[in-house]
């Protein structure tokens, strides 16, 4: 489970680079990914708003297996610098 959370965190930090800080990542493990299976980390922006003059971006994130089943789902928030 923790490895899949780390995969999602890495995907997000690669996407936002140094332009933002990842402030929250919550995940739920829905099913097992077996050794050797292909996993794809994906995400979509769900909301952009401003708090304390900083842009906050909320996302839905997930991991899909090779059958397209979402084995891990979560949410993430990052704050633009």
N, C-alpha and C. Protein backbone atom coordinates (compact mmCIF):
# COMPACT_ATOMS: atom_id res chain seq x y z
N UNK A 1 0.79 -1.20 0.00
CA UNK A 1 0.00 0.00 0.00
C UNK A 1 0.83 1.26 0.00
N UNK A 2 1.83 1.32 0.87
CA UNK A 2 2.64 2.55 0.96
C UNK A 2 3.39 2.82 -0.33
N UNK A 3 3.79 1.77 -1.04
CA UNK A 3 4.50 1.97 -2.30
C UNK A 3 3.59 2.64 -3.33
N UNK A 4 2.32 2.23 -3.38
CA UNK A 4 1.39 2.86 -4.33
C UNK A 4 1.15 4.32 -3.96
N UNK A 5 1.09 4.62 -2.69
CA UNK A 5 0.97 6.01 -2.25
C UNK A 5 2.19 6.81 -2.69
N UNK A 6 3.37 6.20 -2.56
CA UNK A 6 4.60 6.87 -2.99
C UNK A 6 4.61 7.10 -4.50
N UNK A 7 4.10 6.13 -5.27
CA UNK A 7 4.01 6.31 -6.72
C UNK A 7 3.14 7.52 -7.07
N UNK A 8 1.99 7.66 -6.41
CA UNK A 8 1.11 8.80 -6.67
C UNK A 8 1.77 10.10 -6.25
N UNK A 9 2.44 10.11 -5.12
CA UNK A 9 3.15 11.31 -4.68
C UNK A 9 4.23 11.71 -5.65
N UNK A 10 4.96 10.74 -6.19
CA UNK A 10 6.01 11.03 -7.17
C UNK A 10 5.41 11.58 -8.45
N UNK A 11 4.29 11.00 -8.91
CA UNK A 11 3.63 11.51 -10.11
C UNK A 11 3.26 12.98 -9.92
N UNK A 12 2.69 13.31 -8.77
CA UNK A 12 2.26 14.68 -8.51
C UNK A 12 3.44 15.64 -8.41
N UNK A 13 4.49 15.25 -7.70
CA UNK A 13 5.63 16.17 -7.57
C UNK A 13 6.37 16.33 -8.89
N UNK A 14 6.37 15.30 -9.74
CA UNK A 14 6.95 15.46 -11.08
C UNK A 14 6.11 16.43 -11.90
N UNK A 15 4.79 16.36 -11.76
CA UNK A 15 3.89 17.23 -12.52
C UNK A 15 4.02 18.69 -12.08
N UNK A 16 4.05 18.94 -10.78
CA UNK A 16 4.05 20.32 -10.30
C UNK A 16 5.45 20.92 -10.25
N UNK A 17 6.48 20.06 -10.33
CA UNK A 17 7.87 20.52 -10.34
C UNK A 17 8.13 21.39 -9.11
N UNK A 18 8.77 22.53 -9.29
CA UNK A 18 9.05 23.43 -8.17
C UNK A 18 8.07 24.59 -8.10
N UNK A 19 7.04 24.55 -8.92
CA UNK A 19 6.08 25.66 -8.98
C UNK A 19 5.02 25.58 -7.88
N UNK A 20 5.01 24.48 -7.12
CA UNK A 20 3.99 24.31 -6.09
C UNK A 20 4.49 23.33 -5.03
N UNK A 21 3.77 23.30 -3.91
CA UNK A 21 4.06 22.35 -2.83
C UNK A 21 2.87 21.41 -2.66
N UNK A 22 3.15 20.13 -2.62
CA UNK A 22 2.11 19.15 -2.32
C UNK A 22 1.81 19.24 -0.84
N UNK A 23 0.57 19.58 -0.50
CA UNK A 23 0.22 19.79 0.91
C UNK A 23 -0.62 18.66 1.50
N UNK A 24 -1.23 17.83 0.64
CA UNK A 24 -2.08 16.75 1.16
C UNK A 24 -2.20 15.66 0.12
N UNK A 25 -2.08 14.43 0.55
CA UNK A 25 -2.31 13.26 -0.30
C UNK A 25 -2.99 12.20 0.55
N UNK A 26 -4.22 11.89 0.20
CA UNK A 26 -5.00 10.86 0.89
C UNK A 26 -5.35 9.77 -0.11
N UNK A 27 -5.09 8.52 0.24
CA UNK A 27 -5.37 7.42 -0.69
C UNK A 27 -6.13 6.30 0.01
N UNK A 28 -6.83 5.54 -0.80
CA UNK A 28 -7.56 4.35 -0.33
C UNK A 28 -7.19 3.20 -1.26
N UNK A 29 -6.77 2.11 -0.67
CA UNK A 29 -6.37 0.94 -1.44
C UNK A 29 -7.58 0.04 -1.64
N UNK A 30 -7.98 -0.11 -2.90
CA UNK A 30 -9.21 -0.84 -3.22
C UNK A 30 -8.98 -2.31 -3.53
N UNK A 31 -7.84 -2.63 -4.12
CA UNK A 31 -7.54 -4.03 -4.44
C UNK A 31 -6.04 -4.21 -4.61
N UNK A 32 -5.64 -5.45 -4.67
CA UNK A 32 -4.22 -5.81 -4.72
C UNK A 32 -3.70 -5.70 -6.15
N UNK A 33 -2.48 -5.20 -6.28
CA UNK A 33 -1.74 -5.26 -7.55
C UNK A 33 -0.68 -6.34 -7.37
N UNK A 34 -0.70 -7.33 -8.25
CA UNK A 34 0.21 -8.45 -8.12
C UNK A 34 1.56 -8.16 -8.78
N UNK A 35 2.57 -8.86 -8.33
CA UNK A 35 3.92 -8.69 -8.87
C UNK A 35 3.90 -8.85 -10.39
N UNK A 36 4.56 -7.92 -11.06
CA UNK A 36 4.66 -7.97 -12.52
C UNK A 36 3.53 -7.28 -13.26
N UNK A 37 2.49 -6.85 -12.55
CA UNK A 37 1.39 -6.17 -13.24
C UNK A 37 1.80 -4.74 -13.60
N UNK A 38 1.21 -4.24 -14.66
CA UNK A 38 1.48 -2.87 -15.09
C UNK A 38 0.52 -1.95 -14.35
N UNK A 39 1.08 -0.91 -13.74
CA UNK A 39 0.27 0.08 -13.03
C UNK A 39 0.49 1.44 -13.68
N UNK A 40 -0.59 2.18 -13.86
CA UNK A 40 -0.51 3.54 -14.41
C UNK A 40 -1.08 4.52 -13.40
N UNK A 41 -0.28 5.52 -13.05
CA UNK A 41 -0.74 6.59 -12.16
C UNK A 41 -1.40 7.66 -13.01
N UNK A 42 -2.59 8.09 -12.59
CA UNK A 42 -3.33 9.09 -13.34
C UNK A 42 -3.97 10.08 -12.38
N UNK A 43 -4.39 11.22 -12.92
CA UNK A 43 -5.05 12.20 -12.09
C UNK A 43 -5.75 13.26 -12.92
N UNK A 44 -6.62 13.99 -12.25
CA UNK A 44 -7.32 15.08 -12.89
C UNK A 44 -7.53 16.20 -11.88
N UNK A 45 -7.47 17.43 -12.36
CA UNK A 45 -7.72 18.59 -11.49
C UNK A 45 -9.22 18.73 -11.30
N UNK A 46 -9.66 18.84 -10.05
CA UNK A 46 -11.08 18.94 -9.75
C UNK A 46 -11.51 20.33 -9.31
N UNK A 47 -10.57 21.14 -8.80
CA UNK A 47 -10.93 22.46 -8.30
C UNK A 47 -9.69 23.34 -8.21
N UNK A 48 -9.86 24.61 -8.53
CA UNK A 48 -8.82 25.62 -8.35
C UNK A 48 -9.45 26.78 -7.61
N UNK A 49 -8.87 27.16 -6.48
CA UNK A 49 -9.41 28.28 -5.71
C UNK A 49 -8.26 29.03 -5.06
N UNK A 50 -8.57 30.17 -4.46
CA UNK A 50 -7.55 31.02 -3.83
C UNK A 50 -7.82 31.12 -2.34
N UNK A 51 -6.76 30.93 -1.55
CA UNK A 51 -6.81 31.08 -0.10
C UNK A 51 -5.56 31.84 0.33
N UNK A 52 -5.74 32.89 1.11
CA UNK A 52 -4.60 33.70 1.56
C UNK A 52 -3.73 34.13 0.39
N UNK A 53 -4.35 34.54 -0.69
CA UNK A 53 -3.72 35.01 -1.92
C UNK A 53 -2.82 33.96 -2.58
N UNK A 54 -3.03 32.69 -2.27
CA UNK A 54 -2.31 31.59 -2.93
C UNK A 54 -3.32 30.72 -3.65
N UNK A 55 -2.96 30.28 -4.86
CA UNK A 55 -3.83 29.36 -5.59
C UNK A 55 -3.68 27.96 -5.02
N UNK A 56 -4.82 27.33 -4.76
CA UNK A 56 -4.88 25.97 -4.25
C UNK A 56 -5.51 25.10 -5.33
N UNK A 57 -4.89 23.97 -5.62
CA UNK A 57 -5.38 23.07 -6.65
C UNK A 57 -5.69 21.72 -6.02
N UNK A 58 -6.92 21.26 -6.21
CA UNK A 58 -7.36 19.95 -5.71
C UNK A 58 -7.42 18.98 -6.88
N UNK A 59 -7.04 17.75 -6.62
CA UNK A 59 -7.00 16.73 -7.67
C UNK A 59 -7.59 15.42 -7.17
N UNK A 60 -8.13 14.66 -8.09
CA UNK A 60 -8.41 13.24 -7.87
C UNK A 60 -7.26 12.48 -8.50
N UNK A 61 -6.75 11.48 -7.81
CA UNK A 61 -5.65 10.67 -8.33
C UNK A 61 -6.01 9.20 -8.17
N UNK A 62 -5.40 8.35 -9.01
CA UNK A 62 -5.68 6.93 -8.92
C UNK A 62 -4.59 6.14 -9.63
N UNK A 63 -4.58 4.85 -9.34
CA UNK A 63 -3.71 3.91 -10.04
C UNK A 63 -4.61 2.88 -10.71
N UNK A 64 -4.35 2.67 -12.01
CA UNK A 64 -5.09 1.67 -12.79
C UNK A 64 -4.17 0.49 -13.09
N UNK A 65 -4.74 -0.71 -13.08
CA UNK A 65 -3.97 -1.86 -13.52
C UNK A 65 -4.15 -2.03 -15.03
N UNK A 66 -3.55 -3.07 -15.59
CA UNK A 66 -3.60 -3.26 -17.05
C UNK A 66 -5.00 -3.56 -17.57
N UNK A 67 -5.93 -3.91 -16.68
CA UNK A 67 -7.32 -4.13 -17.08
C UNK A 67 -8.16 -2.86 -16.98
N UNK A 68 -7.53 -1.75 -16.58
CA UNK A 68 -8.24 -0.48 -16.44
C UNK A 68 -8.99 -0.34 -15.13
N UNK A 69 -8.76 -1.25 -14.19
CA UNK A 69 -9.41 -1.20 -12.88
C UNK A 69 -8.63 -0.28 -11.97
N UNK A 70 -9.34 0.64 -11.31
CA UNK A 70 -8.70 1.57 -10.37
C UNK A 70 -8.46 0.83 -9.06
N UNK A 71 -7.21 0.44 -8.82
CA UNK A 71 -6.88 -0.33 -7.62
C UNK A 71 -6.58 0.56 -6.43
N UNK A 72 -6.27 1.81 -6.68
CA UNK A 72 -6.02 2.79 -5.61
C UNK A 72 -6.63 4.11 -6.05
N UNK A 73 -7.38 4.75 -5.15
CA UNK A 73 -8.00 6.04 -5.44
C UNK A 73 -7.62 7.02 -4.33
N UNK A 74 -7.55 8.30 -4.69
CA UNK A 74 -7.23 9.28 -3.67
C UNK A 74 -7.50 10.70 -4.10
N UNK A 75 -7.14 11.61 -3.21
CA UNK A 75 -7.24 13.04 -3.49
C UNK A 75 -5.92 13.69 -3.08
N UNK A 76 -5.63 14.79 -3.74
CA UNK A 76 -4.40 15.52 -3.44
C UNK A 76 -4.68 17.01 -3.54
N UNK A 77 -3.90 17.78 -2.80
CA UNK A 77 -3.99 19.23 -2.83
C UNK A 77 -2.58 19.79 -2.90
N UNK A 78 -2.39 20.79 -3.76
CA UNK A 78 -1.13 21.49 -3.74
C UNK A 78 -1.34 22.98 -3.85
N UNK A 79 -0.38 23.72 -3.33
CA UNK A 79 -0.44 25.18 -3.27
C UNK A 79 0.63 25.75 -4.19
N UNK A 80 0.21 26.62 -5.12
CA UNK A 80 1.17 27.25 -6.03
C UNK A 80 2.05 28.24 -5.28
N UNK A 81 3.32 28.26 -5.64
CA UNK A 81 4.27 29.20 -5.03
C UNK A 81 4.14 30.59 -5.62
